[in-house]
């Protein structure tokens, strides 16, 4: 196998692509993920949403969240993927937005990038801070419109996804299709992107015959480097298990 065909995992971070009237960053992240399969560039594994600092000192559209798309690909597709992501955000980001794009392989992931991500959840960070970390880590980081403020969230989302311990899923294989269905633990573990199922109390669920009510909002979270589905007993029927409530999952 040549170096160009060597498998790699890409982390693609995007932020600040929308305005109050447009489709959100999550929509654009899913569109980019879908393009990987459509163009035979690789396979989109997960897309994560990461909540950053909400403060009057930080400009944002609605929630100040960023997204990271993870892609299993090879070196020979990196240029095509990078060009597509750049062109897509330039063309599709909403008027008045400040889109940023960050691209790194998991091998390039540095402690500085992870620290940057967690700092962005707690304090105000500048574009100069982002550029410094990108240079130190030798990764791609670029503002693609407006005042380029989106580079902060784009880099933060890559660091947070790479940490394996932050965020919830904007997209995961087989989850949206199972909304409002009753699905067994065995089916979820065998035929979706779910790696682990556990209760809100932290107990890992191993009974493959257990049936889960997926509900309208079946989101998994990203923890321990695994796509984890959190479940709880129904308040109406203690014999029924369901995906944890939206209000609970929003903390991730």
Protein backbone atom coordinates (compact mmCIF):
# COMPACT_ATOMS: atom_id res chain seq x y z
CA UNK A 1 0.00 0.00 0.00
CA UNK A 2 1.40 3.41 -0.97
CA UNK A 3 1.59 6.29 1.48
CA UNK A 4 -1.18 8.04 -0.45
CA UNK A 5 -3.52 5.09 0.08
CA UNK A 6 -2.73 4.75 3.77
CA UNK A 7 -5.92 4.99 5.89
CA UNK A 8 -6.31 8.08 8.05
CA UNK A 9 -9.03 9.65 10.18
CA UNK A 10 -9.85 13.29 9.47
CA UNK A 11 -11.45 15.71 11.91
CA UNK A 12 -13.26 18.56 10.12
CA UNK A 13 -14.41 21.42 12.34
CA UNK A 14 -16.82 24.14 11.21
CA UNK A 15 -18.43 27.09 12.98
CA UNK A 16 -20.39 30.30 12.48
CA UNK A 17 -21.97 29.35 9.15
CA UNK A 18 -25.50 30.60 9.82
CA UNK A 19 -27.67 33.57 10.71
CA UNK A 20 -31.01 33.68 12.55
CA UNK A 21 -33.00 32.99 9.38
CA UNK A 22 -30.81 30.33 7.75
CA UNK A 23 -30.20 26.63 8.20
CA UNK A 24 -27.87 25.94 11.10
CA UNK A 25 -24.31 24.72 11.29
CA UNK A 26 -25.61 21.20 12.01
CA UNK A 27 -27.29 21.08 8.59
CA UNK A 28 -24.06 22.11 6.87
CA UNK A 29 -22.07 19.55 8.86
CA UNK A 30 -24.44 16.75 7.78
CA UNK A 31 -24.23 17.94 4.16
CA UNK A 32 -20.44 17.79 4.27
CA UNK A 33 -20.59 14.34 5.86
CA UNK A 34 -22.96 13.07 3.17
CA UNK A 35 -20.60 14.34 0.45
CA UNK A 36 -17.88 11.96 1.63
CA UNK A 37 -19.87 8.89 0.57
CA UNK A 38 -21.40 10.57 -2.48
CA UNK A 39 -17.94 11.36 -3.91
CA UNK A 40 -16.28 8.12 -2.73
CA UNK A 41 -13.80 10.11 -0.65
CA UNK A 42 -14.35 8.13 2.52
CA UNK A 43 -16.87 7.27 5.20
CA UNK A 44 -18.40 9.74 7.62
CA UNK A 45 -18.34 8.10 11.05
CA UNK A 46 -19.85 10.61 13.45
CA UNK A 47 -20.76 14.29 13.53
CA UNK A 48 -20.60 15.92 16.94
CA UNK A 49 -21.99 19.16 18.35
CA UNK A 50 -19.94 21.03 20.92
CA UNK A 51 -21.29 23.74 23.21
CA UNK A 52 -18.93 26.68 23.67
CA UNK A 53 -19.02 29.65 26.04
CA UNK A 54 -22.29 31.58 26.13
CA UNK A 55 -21.44 35.13 27.17
CA UNK A 56 -22.24 38.72 26.14
CA UNK A 57 -18.51 38.97 25.38
CA UNK A 58 -18.74 36.28 22.68
CA UNK A 59 -20.63 36.99 19.41
CA UNK A 60 -22.81 34.08 18.25
CA UNK A 61 -26.03 33.43 16.38
CA UNK A 62 -28.16 31.43 18.79
CA UNK A 63 -26.38 28.83 20.95
CA UNK A 64 -22.62 29.24 20.24
CA UNK A 65 -22.10 25.64 19.25
CA UNK A 66 -19.65 24.23 16.71
CA UNK A 67 -19.59 20.94 14.80
CA UNK A 68 -16.96 18.35 13.98
CA UNK A 69 -17.24 15.77 11.18
CA UNK A 70 -15.06 12.66 11.49
CA UNK A 71 -14.14 10.90 8.25
CA UNK A 72 -12.30 7.65 7.59
CA UNK A 73 -10.39 8.22 4.36
CA UNK A 74 -6.93 7.97 2.77
CA UNK A 75 -4.17 10.50 2.14
CA UNK A 76 -4.96 10.70 -1.57
CA UNK A 77 -8.41 12.18 -0.85
CA UNK A 78 -7.35 14.87 1.62
CA UNK A 79 -6.89 17.63 -0.98
CA UNK A 80 -10.28 16.93 -2.59
CA UNK A 81 -12.00 16.89 0.79
CA UNK A 82 -10.29 20.09 1.92
CA UNK A 83 -11.14 21.91 -1.33
CA UNK A 84 -14.76 20.75 -1.15
CA UNK A 85 -15.19 21.87 2.47
CA UNK A 86 -13.66 25.27 1.73
CA UNK A 87 -15.76 25.84 -1.39
CA UNK A 88 -18.93 24.56 0.29
CA UNK A 89 -18.62 26.94 3.24
CA UNK A 90 -17.79 29.91 1.03
CA UNK A 91 -20.84 29.23 -1.15
CA UNK A 92 -23.36 27.98 1.43
CA UNK A 93 -22.65 29.93 4.62
CA UNK A 94 -25.35 32.49 5.34
CA UNK A 95 -25.07 36.20 4.68
CA UNK A 96 -23.50 37.96 7.64
CA UNK A 97 -21.90 34.83 9.06
CA UNK A 98 -18.19 34.43 9.89
CA UNK A 99 -17.42 30.84 8.86
CA UNK A 100 -14.28 29.04 9.96
CA UNK A 101 -12.83 25.70 8.89
CA UNK A 102 -10.33 23.47 10.67
CA UNK A 103 -8.98 20.17 9.30
CA UNK A 104 -6.61 17.80 11.07
CA UNK A 105 -5.83 14.11 11.17
CA UNK A 106 -6.16 12.28 14.47
CA UNK A 107 -2.37 11.82 14.40
CA UNK A 108 -1.97 15.60 14.34
CA UNK A 109 -4.20 16.03 17.35
CA UNK A 110 -2.21 17.73 20.10
CA UNK A 111 -2.72 18.40 23.79
CA UNK A 112 -2.76 22.11 22.94
CA UNK A 113 -5.73 21.58 20.60
CA UNK A 114 -7.66 19.65 23.26
CA UNK A 115 -6.87 22.28 25.90
CA UNK A 116 -7.99 25.00 23.48
CA UNK A 117 -11.33 23.25 23.03
CA UNK A 118 -12.05 22.99 26.73
CA UNK A 119 -10.93 26.58 27.34
CA UNK A 120 -13.38 27.73 24.66
CA UNK A 121 -16.19 26.28 26.78
CA UNK A 122 -15.20 28.40 29.80
CA UNK A 123 -13.55 31.65 28.74
CA UNK A 124 -13.14 34.18 25.95
CA UNK A 125 -10.48 33.15 23.42
CA UNK A 126 -9.11 35.22 20.56
CA UNK A 127 -8.37 34.47 16.92
CA UNK A 128 -4.69 35.01 17.68
CA UNK A 129 -4.92 32.20 20.25
CA UNK A 130 -6.46 29.93 17.62
CA UNK A 131 -3.84 30.71 14.99
CA UNK A 132 -1.03 30.12 17.48
CA UNK A 133 -2.34 26.65 18.39
CA UNK A 134 -2.89 25.80 14.72
CA UNK A 135 0.69 26.77 13.85
CA UNK A 136 2.10 24.79 16.76
CA UNK A 137 0.08 21.73 15.75
CA UNK A 138 0.73 22.18 12.00
CA UNK A 139 -2.95 21.91 11.03
CA UNK A 140 -5.22 23.69 8.56
CA UNK A 141 -7.25 26.59 10.00
CA UNK A 142 -8.87 29.29 7.88
CA UNK A 143 -11.55 31.94 8.12
CA UNK A 144 -13.77 31.90 5.04
CA UNK A 145 -15.89 35.01 5.39
CA UNK A 146 -16.91 37.93 7.57
CA UNK A 147 -14.47 38.67 10.36
CA UNK A 148 -13.22 35.03 10.48
CA UNK A 149 -14.45 34.61 14.07
CA UNK A 150 -15.60 31.09 13.23
CA UNK A 151 -12.04 29.78 13.32
CA UNK A 152 -12.25 29.70 17.12
CA UNK A 153 -15.19 27.31 17.22
CA UNK A 154 -13.89 25.28 14.29
CA UNK A 155 -10.61 24.57 16.08
CA UNK A 156 -12.36 24.05 19.42
CA UNK A 157 -14.71 21.44 17.92
CA UNK A 158 -11.77 19.45 16.54
CA UNK A 159 -10.03 19.51 19.90
CA UNK A 160 -13.19 18.56 21.80
CA UNK A 161 -14.11 15.75 19.43
CA UNK A 162 -10.53 14.53 19.52
CA UNK A 163 -10.63 14.43 23.31
CA UNK A 164 -13.33 11.76 23.03
CA UNK A 165 -15.16 13.26 26.00
CA UNK A 166 -17.37 16.11 24.85
CA UNK A 167 -20.42 16.64 22.68
CA UNK A 168 -23.52 14.94 21.43
CA UNK A 169 -24.25 13.48 18.04
CA UNK A 170 -25.63 15.60 15.22
CA UNK A 171 -25.39 12.51 13.03
CA UNK A 172 -24.69 8.87 13.69
CA UNK A 173 -25.38 5.86 11.50
CA UNK A 174 -28.88 4.50 11.92
CA UNK A 175 -30.11 6.92 14.57
CA UNK A 176 -32.39 9.35 12.74
CA UNK A 177 -34.02 6.42 10.92
CA UNK A 178 -34.94 4.83 14.24
CA UNK A 179 -36.68 7.85 15.72
CA UNK A 180 -40.03 6.94 17.32
CA UNK A 181 -39.30 3.21 16.98
CA UNK A 182 -38.93 0.44 19.56
CA UNK A 183 -35.48 -1.10 19.06
CA UNK A 184 -33.57 -3.83 20.86
CA UNK A 185 -30.17 -3.28 22.44
CA UNK A 186 -28.76 -6.01 20.19
CA UNK A 187 -30.00 -4.27 17.02
CA UNK A 188 -28.55 -0.92 18.07
CA UNK A 189 -25.15 -2.40 18.89
CA UNK A 190 -25.05 -4.56 15.74
CA UNK A 191 -26.58 -2.28 13.13
CA UNK A 192 -26.01 1.35 14.09
CA UNK A 193 -23.12 3.56 15.09
CA UNK A 194 -23.81 3.10 18.81
CA UNK A 195 -20.82 1.69 20.70
CA UNK A 196 -22.18 1.64 24.25
CA UNK A 197 -25.61 1.82 25.89
CA UNK A 198 -25.78 2.86 29.51
CA UNK A 199 -28.31 4.15 32.02
CA UNK A 200 -28.35 7.67 33.44
CA UNK A 201 -26.88 6.10 36.60
CA UNK A 202 -23.87 4.91 34.58
CA UNK A 203 -24.63 1.18 34.35
CA UNK A 204 -23.64 -0.37 31.01
CA UNK A 205 -26.53 -2.29 29.41
CA UNK A 206 -25.61 -5.71 27.99
CA UNK A 207 -29.00 -7.44 27.70
CA UNK A 208 -29.46 -7.63 23.93
CA UNK A 209 -33.18 -8.39 24.26
CA UNK A 210 -33.96 -5.19 26.12
CA UNK A 211 -36.28 -2.93 24.09
CA UNK A 212 -35.74 0.81 24.04
CA UNK A 213 -38.27 3.47 23.04
CA UNK A 214 -36.20 5.78 20.84
CA UNK A 215 -38.56 8.76 20.95
CA UNK A 216 -38.45 11.75 18.62
CA UNK A 217 -34.98 12.95 19.67
CA UNK A 218 -32.66 9.91 19.94
CA UNK A 219 -29.29 11.59 20.44
CA UNK A 220 -26.16 9.78 21.55
CA UNK A 221 -23.27 11.49 23.32
CA UNK A 222 -19.51 11.33 22.71
CA UNK A 223 -17.74 10.06 25.80
CA UNK A 224 -14.71 7.85 26.33
CA UNK A 225 -14.14 8.03 22.57
CA UNK A 226 -17.38 6.10 22.02
CA UNK A 227 -20.85 6.90 20.73
CA UNK A 228 -22.89 6.29 23.87
CA UNK A 229 -26.66 6.09 24.11
CA UNK A 230 -28.03 7.09 27.51
CA UNK A 231 -31.32 5.51 28.57
CA UNK A 232 -33.67 5.84 31.53
CA UNK A 233 -36.82 4.20 32.81
CA UNK A 234 -40.05 5.81 31.73
CA UNK A 235 -41.69 7.97 34.40
CA UNK A 236 -45.05 6.68 33.22
CA UNK A 237 -44.13 2.98 33.15
CA UNK A 238 -41.10 1.75 35.12
CA UNK A 239 -41.00 -1.42 33.00
CA UNK A 240 -40.24 0.62 29.87
CA UNK A 241 -36.79 1.96 28.91
CA UNK A 242 -36.42 5.04 26.77
CA UNK A 243 -33.71 7.34 25.46
CA UNK A 244 -32.84 9.94 28.10
CA UNK A 245 -34.86 13.13 27.91
CA UNK A 246 -33.75 15.98 25.67
CA UNK A 247 -33.34 18.25 28.69
CA UNK A 248 -30.88 15.76 30.22
CA UNK A 249 -28.90 15.27 27.01
CA UNK A 250 -28.51 18.99 26.39
CA UNK A 251 -25.88 19.17 29.12
CA UNK A 252 -23.45 17.34 26.82
